[in-house]
Amino acid sequence: MDHVAIDLGSKKSQICVRNAGGEILEEKRWETWDLKRYLEGRPKSRVIVETCAEAFRVAEAARELGHETRIVSATLVRTLGVGARRTKTDQRDARVLSEVSCRVDLPTVHIPKAGSRERKTLCGMRDSLVGARTKVINTVRGWLRGQGHRLGKGSRVTFSERVRAVCVADLPDYVERQLRVIEALTKEIDEADKEVEAQAEGDVICARLMTVPGIGPLTSLRYVATIDDIGRFANAHQVEAYLGLVPGESSSSERQQRLSITKAGPPALRWVLVQAAWALRTRCRQPSAVPLQLWAHQIELRRGKRTATVALARKLAGLLYALWRDGTEYDGARGAKMI
């Protein structure tokens, strides 16, 4: 079997092909968007690429054509020799990947389904809108402080309306412009929220996950999109470790030291799980939430609110895994004993 290593680029990619004995058969550059056509003309081979924006699309095309596919983690390729001795070129990188593939069956990262990638993109695009609105709001808040105005709170009144109510006199054009941007972004965020909610309610797995107190459409959709294939994990602890919600450790010889959570894995899902845990602890009034709240309260008494919130987020991650694996809904009577 030939080994086809592709150093992907945004416009053109470098290809290095070796036979099973490690001899270079072909080297060339190819348009990245047209790599499927190149792979169509090759016999069944092992295709090796490094993780990047284009990697999953190329890997999916290679799989459809019957090739073995390996997407090598960007952190692993450095240990394989890519960029060694401060010498890094596209040709050299492709040669290193193909040469190592001839000797070692390189591990591959999980290749998510196209639907999961689309859902992650949807959630990511929504987050970018929220982040942009937050930045613009903060600029207006800074201006208000400089003018000596205090902005009151109000859940039923928009931020722009409150600003206009506080500043009775005509607002400067540069502030009014910011308010119009905030209103436009809010409208788009509402549309994105509706799309997220529709996709979550239309998915059987997401609907089951949303029976857990504190878990809404965004959290359930992100969870399903990130995990993608529940069979990848043998138990709940593996999911918790994958999401970076387990404690780290720095031990040597007789010294043992426990650290804070590892924060490995996808940060976006970890963040929404922590937010869900915080909402469950502080705002959820459903009777089914009481067992989980009591469990978190016991940790809070010993370790504090923040540790209790992260611990509850870890438990939620494992709980969602169990519901997905077993095809069941949340049972408040079992509560925190489910895992």
C-alpha atoms as a PDB file:
ATOM      1  CA  MET A   1       0.000   0.000   0.000  1.00  0.00           C
ATOM      2  CA  ASP A   2       1.264   3.476  -0.881  1.00  0.00           C
ATOM      3  CA  HIS A   3       1.464   6.231   1.715  1.00  0.00           C
ATOM      4  CA  VAL A   4       0.157   9.606   0.513  1.00  0.00           C
ATOM      5  CA  ALA A   5       1.122  12.438   2.866  1.00  0.00           C
ATOM      6  CA  ILE A   6      -0.491  15.810   2.168  1.00  0.00           C
ATOM      7  CA  ASP A   7       0.714  19.012   3.774  1.00  0.00           C
ATOM      8  CA  LEU A   8      -2.468  21.044   3.428  1.00  0.00           C
ATOM      9  CA  GLY A   9      -2.464  24.725   2.593  1.00  0.00           C
ATOM     10  CA  SER A  10      -5.229  27.247   2.109  1.00  0.00           C
ATOM     11  CA  LYS A  11      -4.555  27.456  -1.653  1.00  0.00           C
ATOM     12  CA  LYS A  12      -2.104  24.708  -2.631  1.00  0.00           C
ATOM     13  CA  SER A  13      -0.969  21.551  -0.863  1.00  0.00           C
ATOM     14  CA  GLN A  14       2.273  19.583  -1.034  1.00  0.00           C
ATOM     15  CA  ILE A  15       1.964  15.849  -1.751  1.00  0.00           C
ATOM     16  CA  CYS A  16       4.572  13.162  -1.072  1.00  0.00           C
ATOM     17  CA  VAL A  17       3.875   9.541  -2.056  1.00  0.00           C
ATOM     18  CA  ARG A  18       5.989   6.610  -0.843  1.00  0.00           C
ATOM     19  CA  ASN A  19       5.641   2.894  -1.375  1.00  0.00           C
ATOM     20  CA  ALA A  20       5.552   0.405   1.503  1.00  0.00           C
ATOM     21  CA  GLY A  21       9.362   0.249   1.454  1.00  0.00           C
ATOM     22  CA  GLY A  22       9.706   3.983   2.023  1.00  0.00           C
ATOM     23  CA  GLU A  23      10.837   4.924  -1.493  1.00  0.00           C
ATOM     24  CA  ILE A  24       9.509   8.245  -2.786  1.00  0.00           C
ATOM     25  CA  LEU A  25       7.319   7.655  -5.835  1.00  0.00           C
ATOM     26  CA  GLU A  26       5.928  11.115  -6.441  1.00  0.00           C
ATOM     27  CA  GLU A  27       6.127  14.689  -5.161  1.00  0.00           C
ATOM     28  CA  LYS A  28       3.977  17.524  -6.432  1.00  0.00           C
ATOM     29  CA  ARG A  29       1.875  20.505  -5.488  1.00  0.00           C
ATOM     30  CA  TRP A  30      -1.878  20.435  -6.036  1.00  0.00           C
ATOM     31  CA  GLU A  31      -4.788  22.803  -5.603  1.00  0.00           C
ATOM     32  CA  THR A  32      -6.270  22.139  -2.167  1.00  0.00           C
ATOM     33  CA  TRP A  33      -9.887  22.505  -3.290  1.00  0.00           C
ATOM     34  CA  ASP A  34      -9.283  19.917  -6.040  1.00  0.00           C
ATOM     35  CA  LEU A  35      -7.517  17.208  -3.987  1.00  0.00           C
ATOM     36  CA  LYS A  36     -10.436  14.809  -4.420  1.00  0.00           C
ATOM     37  CA  ARG A  37      -9.717  14.641  -8.142  1.00  0.00           C
ATOM     38  CA  TYR A  38      -6.086  13.736  -7.403  1.00  0.00           C
ATOM     39  CA  LEU A  39      -7.097  10.974  -4.986  1.00  0.00           C
ATOM     40  CA  GLU A  40      -9.608   9.568  -7.485  1.00  0.00           C
ATOM     41  CA  GLY A  41      -6.780   8.640  -9.810  1.00  0.00           C
ATOM     42  CA  ARG A  42      -4.823   6.679  -7.219  1.00  0.00           C
ATOM     43  CA  PRO A  43      -5.097   3.039  -6.106  1.00  0.00           C
ATOM     44  CA  LYS A  44      -6.138   2.357  -2.529  1.00  0.00           C
ATOM     45  CA  SER A  45      -3.612   4.125  -0.326  1.00  0.00           C
ATOM     46  CA  ARG A  46      -3.125   5.457   3.165  1.00  0.00           C
ATOM     47  CA  VAL A  47      -3.751   9.210   3.196  1.00  0.00           C
ATOM     48  CA  ILE A  48      -2.077  11.198   5.991  1.00  0.00           C
ATOM     49  CA  VAL A  49      -2.906  14.830   6.780  1.00  0.00           C
ATOM     50  CA  GLU A  50      -2.343  17.122   9.744  1.00  0.00           C
ATOM     51  CA  THR A  51      -5.228  18.682  11.649  1.00  0.00           C
ATOM     52  CA  CYS A  52      -6.262  22.025  10.163  1.00  0.00           C
ATOM     53  CA  ALA A  53      -9.328  23.751   8.756  1.00  0.00           C
ATOM     54  CA  GLU A  54      -9.296  21.730   5.520  1.00  0.00           C
ATOM     55  CA  ALA A  55      -8.371  18.365   7.049  1.00  0.00           C
ATOM     56  CA  PHE A  56     -11.834  16.898   7.712  1.00  0.00           C
ATOM     57  CA  ARG A  57     -13.175  17.712   4.262  1.00  0.00           C
ATOM     58  CA  VAL A  58     -10.158  16.117   2.575  1.00  0.00           C
ATOM     59  CA  ALA A  59     -10.282  13.092   4.894  1.00  0.00           C
ATOM     60  CA  GLU A  60     -13.975  12.594   4.213  1.00  0.00           C
ATOM     61  CA  ALA A  61     -13.358  12.687   0.455  1.00  0.00           C
ATOM     62  CA  ALA A  62     -10.514  10.164   0.800  1.00  0.00           C
ATOM     63  CA  ARG A  63     -12.729   7.796   2.788  1.00  0.00           C
ATOM     64  CA  GLU A  64     -15.462   7.981   0.166  1.00  0.00           C
ATOM     65  CA  LEU A  65     -12.888   6.909  -2.414  1.00  0.00           C
ATOM     66  CA  GLY A  66     -11.863   3.882  -0.324  1.00  0.00           C
ATOM     67  CA  HIS A  67      -8.556   5.162   1.029  1.00  0.00           C
ATOM     68  CA  GLU A  68      -7.397   4.650   4.602  1.00  0.00           C
ATOM     69  CA  THR A  69      -7.305   8.016   6.297  1.00  0.00           C
ATOM     70  CA  ARG A  70      -5.194   9.342   9.148  1.00  0.00           C
ATOM     71  CA  ILE A  71      -5.608  12.851  10.554  1.00  0.00           C
ATOM     72  CA  VAL A  72      -2.604  13.367  12.805  1.00  0.00           C
ATOM     73  CA  SER A  73      -2.921  15.737  15.741  1.00  0.00           C
ATOM     74  CA  ALA A  74      -0.937  18.954  15.383  1.00  0.00           C
ATOM     75  CA  THR A  75       0.686  18.312  18.767  1.00  0.00           C
ATOM     76  CA  LEU A  76       1.850  14.855  17.676  1.00  0.00           C
ATOM     77  CA  VAL A  77       3.444  15.845  14.381  1.00  0.00           C
ATOM     78  CA  ARG A  78       6.033  17.943  16.221  1.00  0.00           C
ATOM     79  CA  THR A  79       7.293  14.827  17.980  1.00  0.00           C
ATOM     80  CA  LEU A  80       7.479  13.035  14.621  1.00  0.00           C
ATOM     81  CA  GLY A  81      10.031  15.506  13.297  1.00  0.00           C
ATOM     82  CA  VAL A  82       7.922  18.127  11.537  1.00  0.00           C
ATOM     83  CA  GLY A  83       9.683  21.461  12.003  1.00  0.00           C
ATOM     84  CA  ALA A  84      12.759  19.844  13.588  1.00  0.00           C
ATOM     85  CA  ARG A  85      15.968  21.889  13.774  1.00  0.00           C
ATOM     86  CA  ARG A  86      13.960  25.017  12.966  1.00  0.00           C
ATOM     87  CA  THR A  87      13.594  23.899   9.363  1.00  0.00           C
ATOM     88  CA  LYS A  88      10.023  23.780   8.150  1.00  0.00           C
ATOM     89  CA  THR A  89       8.888  23.702   4.531  1.00  0.00           C
ATOM     90  CA  ASP A  90       5.855  22.156   2.872  1.00  0.00           C
ATOM     91  CA  GLN A  91       7.989  19.619   1.018  1.00  0.00           C
ATOM     92  CA  ARG A  92       9.905  18.632   4.141  1.00  0.00           C
ATOM     93  CA  ASP A  93       6.714  18.281   6.207  1.00  0.00           C
ATOM     94  CA  ALA A  94       5.070  16.027   3.634  1.00  0.00           C
ATOM     95  CA  ARG A  95       8.213  13.894   3.407  1.00  0.00           C
ATOM     96  CA  VAL A  96       8.379  13.459   7.178  1.00  0.00           C
ATOM     97  CA  LEU A  97       4.720  12.428   7.458  1.00  0.00           C
ATOM     98  CA  SER A  98       4.976   9.910   4.626  1.00  0.00           C
ATOM     99  CA  GLU A  99       8.238   8.468   5.961  1.00  0.00           C
ATOM    100  CA  VAL A 100       6.853   7.983   9.488  1.00  0.00           C
ATOM    101  CA  SER A 101       3.659   6.438   8.101  1.00  0.00           C
ATOM    102  CA  CYS A 102       5.755   3.758   6.381  1.00  0.00           C
ATOM    103  CA  ARG A 103       7.175   2.716   9.756  1.00  0.00           C
ATOM    104  CA  VAL A 104       4.311   3.375  12.186  1.00  0.00           C
ATOM    105  CA  ASP A 105       0.548   2.992  12.018  1.00  0.00           C
ATOM    106  CA  LEU A 106      -0.107   6.604  12.935  1.00  0.00           C
ATOM    107  CA  PRO A 107      -3.047   7.277  15.257  1.00  0.00           C
ATOM    108  CA  THR A 108      -5.828   9.472  13.932  1.00  0.00           C
ATOM    109  CA  VAL A 109      -8.094  11.961  15.615  1.00  0.00           C
ATOM    110  CA  HIS A 110     -11.805  11.277  15.415  1.00  0.00           C
ATOM    111  CA  ILE A 111     -13.322  12.361  12.104  1.00  0.00           C
ATOM    112  CA  PRO A 112     -16.784  13.753  12.939  1.00  0.00           C
ATOM    113  CA  LYS A 113     -19.716  13.345  10.605  1.00  0.00           C
ATOM    114  CA  ALA A 114     -20.620  16.222   8.319  1.00  0.00           C
ATOM    115  CA  GLY A 115     -23.792  16.900  10.309  1.00  0.00           C
ATOM    116  CA  SER A 116     -21.832  17.224  13.548  1.00  0.00           C
ATOM    117  CA  ARG A 117     -19.373  19.621  11.939  1.00  0.00           C
ATOM    118  CA  GLU A 118     -22.257  21.722  10.647  1.00  0.00           C
ATOM    119  CA  ARG A 119     -23.820  21.891  14.112  1.00  0.00           C
ATOM    120  CA  LYS A 120     -20.539  22.922  15.709  1.00  0.00           C
ATOM    121  CA  THR A 121     -20.209  25.646  13.090  1.00  0.00           C
ATOM    122  CA  LEU A 122     -23.744  26.856  13.803  1.00  0.00           C
ATOM    123  CA  CYS A 123     -23.003  27.136  17.524  1.00  0.00           C
ATOM    124  CA  GLY A 124     -19.633  28.757  16.859  1.00  0.00           C
ATOM    125  CA  MET A 125     -21.153  31.347  14.534  1.00  0.00           C
ATOM    126  CA  ARG A 126     -23.746  32.195  17.169  1.00  0.00           C
ATOM    127  CA  ASP A 127     -21.008  32.586  19.784  1.00  0.00           C
ATOM    128  CA  SER A 128     -19.150  35.013  17.508  1.00  0.00           C
ATOM    129  CA  LEU A 129     -22.278  37.161  17.232  1.00  0.00           C
ATOM    130  CA  VAL A 130     -22.704  37.164  21.014  1.00  0.00           C
ATOM    131  CA  GLY A 131     -19.044  38.062  21.486  1.00  0.00           C
ATOM    132  CA  ALA A 132     -19.284  40.925  19.001  1.00  0.00           C
ATOM    133  CA  ARG A 133     -22.382  42.307  20.744  1.00  0.00           C
ATOM    134  CA  THR A 134     -20.670  42.083  24.133  1.00  0.00           C
ATOM    135  CA  LYS A 135     -17.700  44.099  22.881  1.00  0.00           C
ATOM    136  CA  VAL A 136     -19.920  46.824  21.442  1.00  0.00           C
ATOM    137  CA  ILE A 137     -22.014  46.967  24.628  1.00  0.00           C
ATOM    138  CA  ASN A 138     -18.848  47.356  26.692  1.00  0.00           C
ATOM    139  CA  THR A 139     -17.749  50.346  24.592  1.00  0.00           C
ATOM    140  CA  VAL A 140     -21.084  52.048  25.296  1.00  0.00           C
ATOM    141  CA  ARG A 141     -20.871  51.211  28.994  1.00  0.00           C
ATOM    142  CA  GLY A 142     -17.420  52.781  29.101  1.00  0.00           C
ATOM    143  CA  TRP A 143     -18.759  55.949  27.481  1.00  0.00           C
ATOM    144  CA  LEU A 144     -21.637  56.078  29.989  1.00  0.00           C
ATOM    145  CA  ARG A 145     -19.237  55.865  32.918  1.00  0.00           C
ATOM    146  CA  GLY A 146     -17.242  58.728  31.503  1.00  0.00           C
ATOM    147  CA  GLN A 147     -20.429  60.811  31.297  1.00  0.00           C
ATOM    148  CA  GLY A 148     -21.351  60.026  34.895  1.00  0.00           C
ATOM    149  CA  HIS A 149     -24.445  58.013  33.983  1.00  0.00           C
ATOM    150  CA  ARG A 150     -25.532  54.897  35.820  1.00  0.00           C
ATOM    151  CA  LEU A 151     -27.345  52.303  33.736  1.00  0.00           C
ATOM    152  CA  GLY A 152     -30.096  50.488  35.580  1.00  0.00           C
ATOM    153  CA  LYS A 153     -30.968  46.848  35.202  1.00  0.00           C
ATOM    154  CA  GLY A 154     -33.958  45.584  33.297  1.00  0.00           C
ATOM    155  CA  SER A 155     -34.744  42.207  31.790  1.00  0.00           C
ATOM    156  CA  ARG A 156     -37.754  43.408  29.784  1.00  0.00           C
ATOM    157  CA  VAL A 157     -36.080  46.484  28.302  1.00  0.00           C
ATOM    158  CA  THR A 158     -33.306  46.253  25.767  1.00  0.00           C
ATOM    159  CA  PHE A 159     -29.882  47.712  26.410  1.00  0.00           C
ATOM    160  CA  SER A 160     -30.346  50.371  23.716  1.00  0.00           C
ATOM    161  CA  GLU A 161     -33.651  51.520  25.196  1.00  0.00           C
ATOM    162  CA  ARG A 162     -32.109  51.868  28.642  1.00  0.00           C
ATOM    163  CA  VAL A 163     -29.242  53.928  27.261  1.00  0.00           C
ATOM    164  CA  ARG A 164     -31.633  56.259  25.457  1.00  0.00           C
ATOM    165  CA  ALA A 165     -33.765  56.566  28.600  1.00  0.00           C
ATOM    166  CA  VAL A 166     -30.764  57.532  30.735  1.00  0.00           C
ATOM    167  CA  CYS A 167     -29.404  60.016  28.216  1.00  0.00           C
ATOM    168  CA  VAL A 168     -32.403  62.280  27.737  1.00  0.00           C
ATOM    169  CA  ALA A 169     -30.439  64.729  25.602  1.00  0.00           C
ATOM    170  CA  ASP A 170     -29.526  63.853  22.045  1.00  0.00           C
ATOM    171  CA  LEU A 171     -26.942  61.109  21.861  1.00  0.00           C
ATOM    172  CA  PRO A 172     -23.750  61.685  19.885  1.00  0.00           C
ATOM    173  CA  ASP A 173     -23.778  60.092  16.453  1.00  0.00           C
ATOM    174  CA  TYR A 174     -20.941  57.724  17.367  1.00  0.00           C
ATOM    175  CA  VAL A 175     -22.941  56.350  20.315  1.00  0.00           C
ATOM    176  CA  GLU A 176     -26.187  56.094  18.345  1.00  0.00           C
ATOM    177  CA  ARG A 177     -24.247  54.143  15.705  1.00  0.00           C
ATOM    178  CA  GLN A 178     -23.139  51.652  18.344  1.00  0.00           C
ATOM    179  CA  LEU A 179     -26.713  51.219  19.574  1.00  0.00           C
ATOM    180  CA  ARG A 180     -27.923  50.454  16.058  1.00  0.00           C
ATOM    181  CA  VAL A 181     -25.212  47.804  15.725  1.00  0.00           C
ATOM    182  CA  ILE A 182     -26.291  46.270  19.051  1.00  0.00           C
ATOM    183  CA  GLU A 183     -29.904  46.124  17.896  1.00  0.00           C
ATOM    184  CA  ALA A 184     -28.911  44.505  14.592  1.00  0.00           C
ATOM    185  CA  LEU A 185     -26.724  41.934  16.337  1.00  0.00           C
ATOM    186  CA  THR A 186     -29.487  41.161  18.835  1.00  0.00           C
ATOM    187  CA  LYS A 187     -31.870  40.448  15.965  1.00  0.00           C
ATOM    188  CA  GLU A 188     -29.387  38.069  14.343  1.00  0.00           C
ATOM    189  CA  ILE A 189     -28.665  36.345  17.669  1.00  0.00           C
ATOM    190  CA  ASP A 190     -32.387  35.758  18.158  1.00  0.00           C
ATOM    191  CA  GLU A 191     -32.541  34.145  14.717  1.00  0.00           C
ATOM    192  CA  ALA A 192     -29.544  31.958  15.549  1.00  0.00           C
ATOM    193  CA  ASP A 193     -31.164  30.940  18.847  1.00  0.00           C
ATOM    194  CA  LYS A 194     -34.318  29.893  17.001  1.00  0.00           C
ATOM    195  CA  GLU A 195     -32.271  27.771  14.597  1.00  0.00           C
ATOM    196  CA  VAL A 196     -30.391  26.120  17.468  1.00  0.00           C
ATOM    197  CA  GLU A 197     -33.647  25.432  19.295  1.00  0.00           C
ATOM    198  CA  ALA A 198     -35.280  23.971  16.191  1.00  0.00           C
ATOM    199  CA  GLN A 199     -32.366  21.624  15.537  1.00  0.00           C
ATOM    200  CA  ALA A 200     -32.228  20.504  19.170  1.00  0.00           C
ATOM    201  CA  GLU A 201     -35.960  19.837  19.408  1.00  0.00           C
ATOM    202  CA  GLY A 202     -35.891  17.951  16.116  1.00  0.00           C
ATOM    203  CA  ASP A 203     -33.134  15.596  17.286  1.00  0.00           C
ATOM    204  CA  VAL A 204     -34.175  12.583  19.351  1.00  0.00           C
ATOM    205  CA  ILE A 205     -30.932  12.471  21.335  1.00  0.00           C
ATOM    206  CA  CYS A 206     -30.958  16.189  22.115  1.00  0.00           C
ATOM    207  CA  ALA A 207     -34.575  15.933  23.242  1.00  0.00           C
ATOM    208  CA  ARG A 208     -33.608  13.244  25.766  1.00  0.00           C
ATOM    209  CA  LEU A 209     -30.631  15.220  27.022  1.00  0.00           C
ATOM    210  CA  MET A 210     -32.795  18.288  27.561  1.00  0.00           C
ATOM    211  CA  THR A 211     -34.822  16.377  30.171  1.00  0.00           C
ATOM    212  CA  VAL A 212     -31.881  17.007  32.526  1.00  0.00           C
ATOM    213  CA  PRO A 213     -32.402  20.178  34.615  1.00  0.00           C
ATOM    214  CA  GLY A 214     -30.212  23.042  33.431  1.00  0.00           C
ATOM    215  CA  ILE A 215     -29.592  21.539  29.979  1.00  0.00           C
ATOM    216  CA  GLY A 216     -31.042  23.617  27.164  1.00  0.00           C
ATOM    217  CA  PRO A 217     -30.942  23.496  23.361  1.00  0.00           C
ATOM    218  CA  LEU A 218     -27.459  25.038  23.006  1.00  0.00           C
ATOM    219  CA  THR A 219     -25.806  22.729  25.540  1.00  0.00           C
ATOM    220  CA  SER A 220     -27.467  19.584  24.200  1.00  0.00           C
ATOM    221  CA  LEU A 221     -26.677  20.451  20.573  1.00  0.00           C
ATOM    222  CA  ARG A 222     -23.038  21.205  21.401  1.00  0.00           C
ATOM    223  CA  TYR A 223     -22.737  17.990  23.392  1.00  0.00           C
ATOM    224  CA  VAL A 224     -24.128  15.791  20.606  1.00  0.00           C
ATOM    225  CA  ALA A 225     -22.069  17.573  17.943  1.00  0.00           C
ATOM    226  CA  THR A 226     -18.825  17.282  19.934  1.00  0.00           C
ATOM    227  CA  ILE A 227     -19.207  13.669  21.088  1.00  0.00           C
ATOM    228  CA  ASP A 228     -20.559  12.675  17.657  1.00  0.00           C
ATOM    229  CA  ASP A 229     -20.258   8.919  18.253  1.00  0.00           C
ATOM    230  CA  ILE A 230     -21.114   7.673  21.740  1.00  0.00           C
ATOM    231  CA  GLY A 231     -19.355   4.372  21.025  1.00  0.00           C
ATOM    232  CA  ARG A 232     -15.982   6.174  21.123  1.00  0.00           C
ATOM    233  CA  PHE A 233     -16.120   6.171  24.922  1.00  0.00           C
ATOM    234  CA  ALA A 234     -16.260   3.123  27.175  1.00  0.00           C
ATOM    235  CA  ASN A 235     -17.633   4.940  30.210  1.00  0.00           C
ATOM    236  CA  ALA A 236     -18.620   8.315  31.616  1.00  0.00           C
ATOM    237  CA  HIS A 237     -15.174   8.969  33.097  1.00  0.00           C
ATOM    238  CA  GLN A 238     -13.606   8.877  29.643  1.00  0.00           C
ATOM    239  CA  VAL A 239     -16.046  11.552  28.468  1.00  0.00           C
ATOM    240  CA  GLU A 240     -15.291  13.706  31.512  1.00  0.00           C
ATOM    241  CA  ALA A 241     -11.550  13.366  30.865  1.00  0.00           C
ATOM    242  CA  TYR A 242     -11.997  14.110  27.156  1.00  0.00           C
ATOM    243  CA  LEU A 243     -13.782  17.349  28.047  1.00  0.00           C
ATOM    244  CA  GLY A 244     -11.025  18.374  30.464  1.00  0.00           C
ATOM    245  CA  LEU A 245     -13.264  18.307  33.539  1.00  0.00           C
ATOM    246  CA  VAL A 246     -11.160  15.918  35.630  1.00  0.00           C
ATOM    247  CA  PRO A 247      -8.422  17.053  38.057  1.00  0.00           C
ATOM    248  CA  GLY A 248      -4.851  17.119  36.833  1.00  0.00           C
ATOM    249  CA  GLU A 249      -1.936  15.641  38.753  1.00  0.00           C
ATOM    250  CA  SER A 250       1.757  16.397  39.203  1.00  0.00           C
ATOM    251  CA  SER A 251       3.234  13.522  41.206  1.00  0.00           C
ATOM    252  CA  SER A 252       6.739  12.161  41.366  1.00  0.00           C
ATOM    253  CA  SER A 253       8.307   9.555  43.653  1.00  0.00           C
ATOM    254  CA  GLU A 254       6.655   9.975  47.046  1.00  0.00           C
ATOM    255  CA  ARG A 255       5.286  13.427  46.274  1.00  0.00           C
ATOM    256  CA  GLN A 256       1.652  13.551  45.216  1.00  0.00           C
ATOM    257  CA  GLN A 257      -0.001  16.754  44.070  1.00  0.00           C
ATOM    258  CA  ARG A 258      -3.517  17.171  42.721  1.00  0.00           C
ATOM    259  CA  LEU A 259      -4.110  20.103  40.382  1.00  0.00           C
ATOM    260  CA  SER A 260      -7.121  21.928  39.028  1.00  0.00           C
ATOM    261  CA  ILE A 261      -9.022  20.473  36.067  1.00  0.00           C
ATOM    262  CA  THR A 262      -6.941  19.714  32.990  1.00  0.00           C
ATOM    263  CA  LYS A 263      -9.027  21.883  30.614  1.00  0.00           C
ATOM    264  CA  ALA A 264      -8.127  19.513  27.795  1.00  0.00           C
ATOM    265  CA  GLY A 265     -10.468  18.977  24.888  1.00  0.00           C
ATOM    266  CA  PRO A 266     -13.079  21.330  23.390  1.00  0.00           C
ATOM    267  CA  PRO A 267     -13.317  24.527  25.480  1.00  0.00           C
ATOM    268  CA  ALA A 268     -16.688  25.628  24.052  1.00  0.00           C
ATOM    269  CA  LEU A 269     -18.536  22.552  25.332  1.00  0.00           C
ATOM    270  CA  ARG A 270     -16.742  22.678  28.679  1.00  0.00           C
ATOM    271  CA  TRP A 271     -17.790  26.317  29.067  1.00  0.00           C
ATOM    272  CA  VAL A 272     -21.500  25.697  28.358  1.00  0.00           C
ATOM    273  CA  LEU A 273     -21.503  22.730  30.750  1.00  0.00           C
ATOM    274  CA  VAL A 274     -20.101  24.931  33.512  1.00  0.00           C
ATOM    275  CA  GLN A 275     -22.736  27.560  32.715  1.00  0.00           C
ATOM    276  CA  ALA A 276     -25.437  24.885  32.824  1.00  0.00           C
ATOM    277  CA  ALA A 277     -24.135  23.697  36.196  1.00  0.00           C
ATOM    278  CA  TRP A 278     -24.171  27.256  37.552  1.00  0.00           C
ATOM    279  CA  ALA A 279     -27.751  27.766  36.372  1.00  0.00           C
ATOM    280  CA  LEU A 280     -28.768  24.430  37.884  1.00  0.00           C
ATOM    281  CA  ARG A 281     -27.262  25.362  41.253  1.00  0.00           C
ATOM    282  CA  THR A 282     -28.604  28.909  41.480  1.00  0.00           C
ATOM    283  CA  ARG A 283     -31.726  29.321  39.342  1.00  0.00           C
ATOM    284  CA  CYS A 284     -33.347  25.982  38.599  1.00  0.00           C
ATOM    285  CA  ARG A 285     -36.571  25.407  40.572  1.00  0.00           C
ATOM    286  CA  GLN A 286     -37.641  22.074  39.094  1.00  0.00           C
ATOM    287  CA  PRO A 287     -38.303  19.357  41.701  1.00  0.00           C
ATOM    288  CA  SER A 288     -36.193  16.929  39.646  1.00  0.00           C
ATOM    289  CA  ALA A 289     -33.177  19.210  40.137  1.00  0.00           C
ATOM    290  CA  VAL A 290     -33.180  18.905  43.941  1.00  0.00           C
ATOM    291  CA  PRO A 291     -31.018  15.735  44.201  1.00  0.00           C
ATOM    292  CA  LEU A 292     -28.296  17.245  42.019  1.00  0.00           C
ATOM    293  CA  GLN A 293     -28.484  20.542  43.902  1.00  0.00           C
ATOM    294  CA  LEU A 294     -28.143  18.782  47.251  1.00  0.00           C
ATOM    295  CA  TRP A 295     -25.181  16.801  45.944  1.00  0.00           C
ATOM    296  CA  ALA A 296     -23.479  20.011  44.769  1.00  0.00           C
ATOM    297  CA  HIS A 297     -24.316  21.743  48.057  1.00  0.00           C
ATOM    298  CA  GLN A 298     -22.403  19.120  50.029  1.00  0.00           C
ATOM    299  CA  ILE A 299     -19.318  19.802  47.911  1.00  0.00           C
ATOM    300  CA  GLU A 300     -19.828  23.552  48.296  1.00  0.00           C
ATOM    301  CA  LEU A 301     -19.722  23.236  52.092  1.00  0.00           C
ATOM    302  CA  ARG A 302     -16.313  21.537  51.868  1.00  0.00           C
ATOM    303  CA  ARG A 303     -14.660  23.176  48.850  1.00  0.00           C
ATOM    304  CA  GLY A 304     -16.568  26.343  47.916  1.00  0.00           C
ATOM    305  CA  LYS A 305     -18.956  27.438  45.176  1.00  0.00           C
ATOM    306  CA  ARG A 306     -16.569  27.344  42.235  1.00  0.00           C
ATOM    307  CA  THR A 307     -15.337  23.834  42.908  1.00  0.00           C
ATOM    308  CA  ALA A 308     -18.921  22.672  43.439  1.00  0.00           C
ATOM    309  CA  THR A 309     -19.974  24.179  40.108  1.00  0.00           C
ATOM    310  CA  VAL A 310     -17.154  22.488  38.189  1.00  0.00           C
ATOM    311  CA  ALA A 311     -17.868  19.186  39.953  1.00  0.00           C
ATOM    312  CA  LEU A 312     -21.515  19.474  38.965  1.00  0.00           C
ATOM    313  CA  ALA A 313     -20.502  20.221  35.362  1.00  0.00           C
ATOM    314  CA  ARG A 314     -18.410  17.047  35.390  1.00  0.00           C
ATOM    315  CA  LYS A 315     -21.351  15.061  36.715  1.00  0.00           C
ATOM    316  CA  LEU A 316     -23.643  16.542  34.060  1.00  0.00           C
ATOM    317  CA  ALA A 317     -21.194  15.466  31.342  1.00  0.00           C
ATOM    318  CA  GLY A 318     -21.258  11.898  32.633  1.00  0.00           C
ATOM    319  CA  LEU A 319     -25.018  11.969  33.136  1.00  0.00           C
ATOM    320  CA  LEU A 320     -25.625  13.066  29.552  1.00  0.00           C
ATOM    321  CA  TYR A 321     -23.349  10.271  28.365  1.00  0.00           C
ATOM    322  CA  ALA A 322     -25.376   7.699  30.334  1.00  0.00           C
ATOM    323  CA  LEU A 323     -28.708   8.940  28.947  1.00  0.00           C
ATOM    324  CA  TRP A 324     -27.396   8.868  25.391  1.00  0.00           C
ATOM    325  CA  ARG A 325     -25.823   5.431  25.797  1.00  0.00           C
ATOM    326  CA  ASP A 326     -28.884   3.841  27.433  1.00  0.00           C
ATOM    327  CA  GLY A 327     -31.505   5.642  25.344  1.00  0.00           C
ATOM    328  CA  THR A 328     -33.327   6.859  28.471  1.00  0.00           C
ATOM    329  CA  GLU A 329     -34.559  10.149  29.912  1.00  0.00           C
ATOM    330  CA  TYR A 330     -33.537  11.819  33.141  1.00  0.00           C
ATOM    331  CA  ASP A 331     -35.178  10.379  36.246  1.00  0.00           C
ATOM    332  CA  GLY A 332     -35.199  12.885  39.085  1.00  0.00           C
ATOM    333  CA  ALA A 333     -35.914  10.131  41.598  1.00  0.00           C
ATOM    334  CA  ARG A 334     -32.490   8.625  40.912  1.00  0.00           C
ATOM    335  CA  GLY A 335     -30.839  12.058  40.817  1.00  0.00           C
ATOM    336  CA  ALA A 336     -27.138  12.149  41.486  1.00  0.00           C
ATOM    337  CA  LYS A 337     -26.933   8.392  41.953  1.00  0.00           C
ATOM    338  CA  MET A 338     -27.344   7.735  38.217  1.00  0.00           C
ATOM    339  CA  ILE A 339     -23.573   7.709  37.663  1.00  0.00           C
END
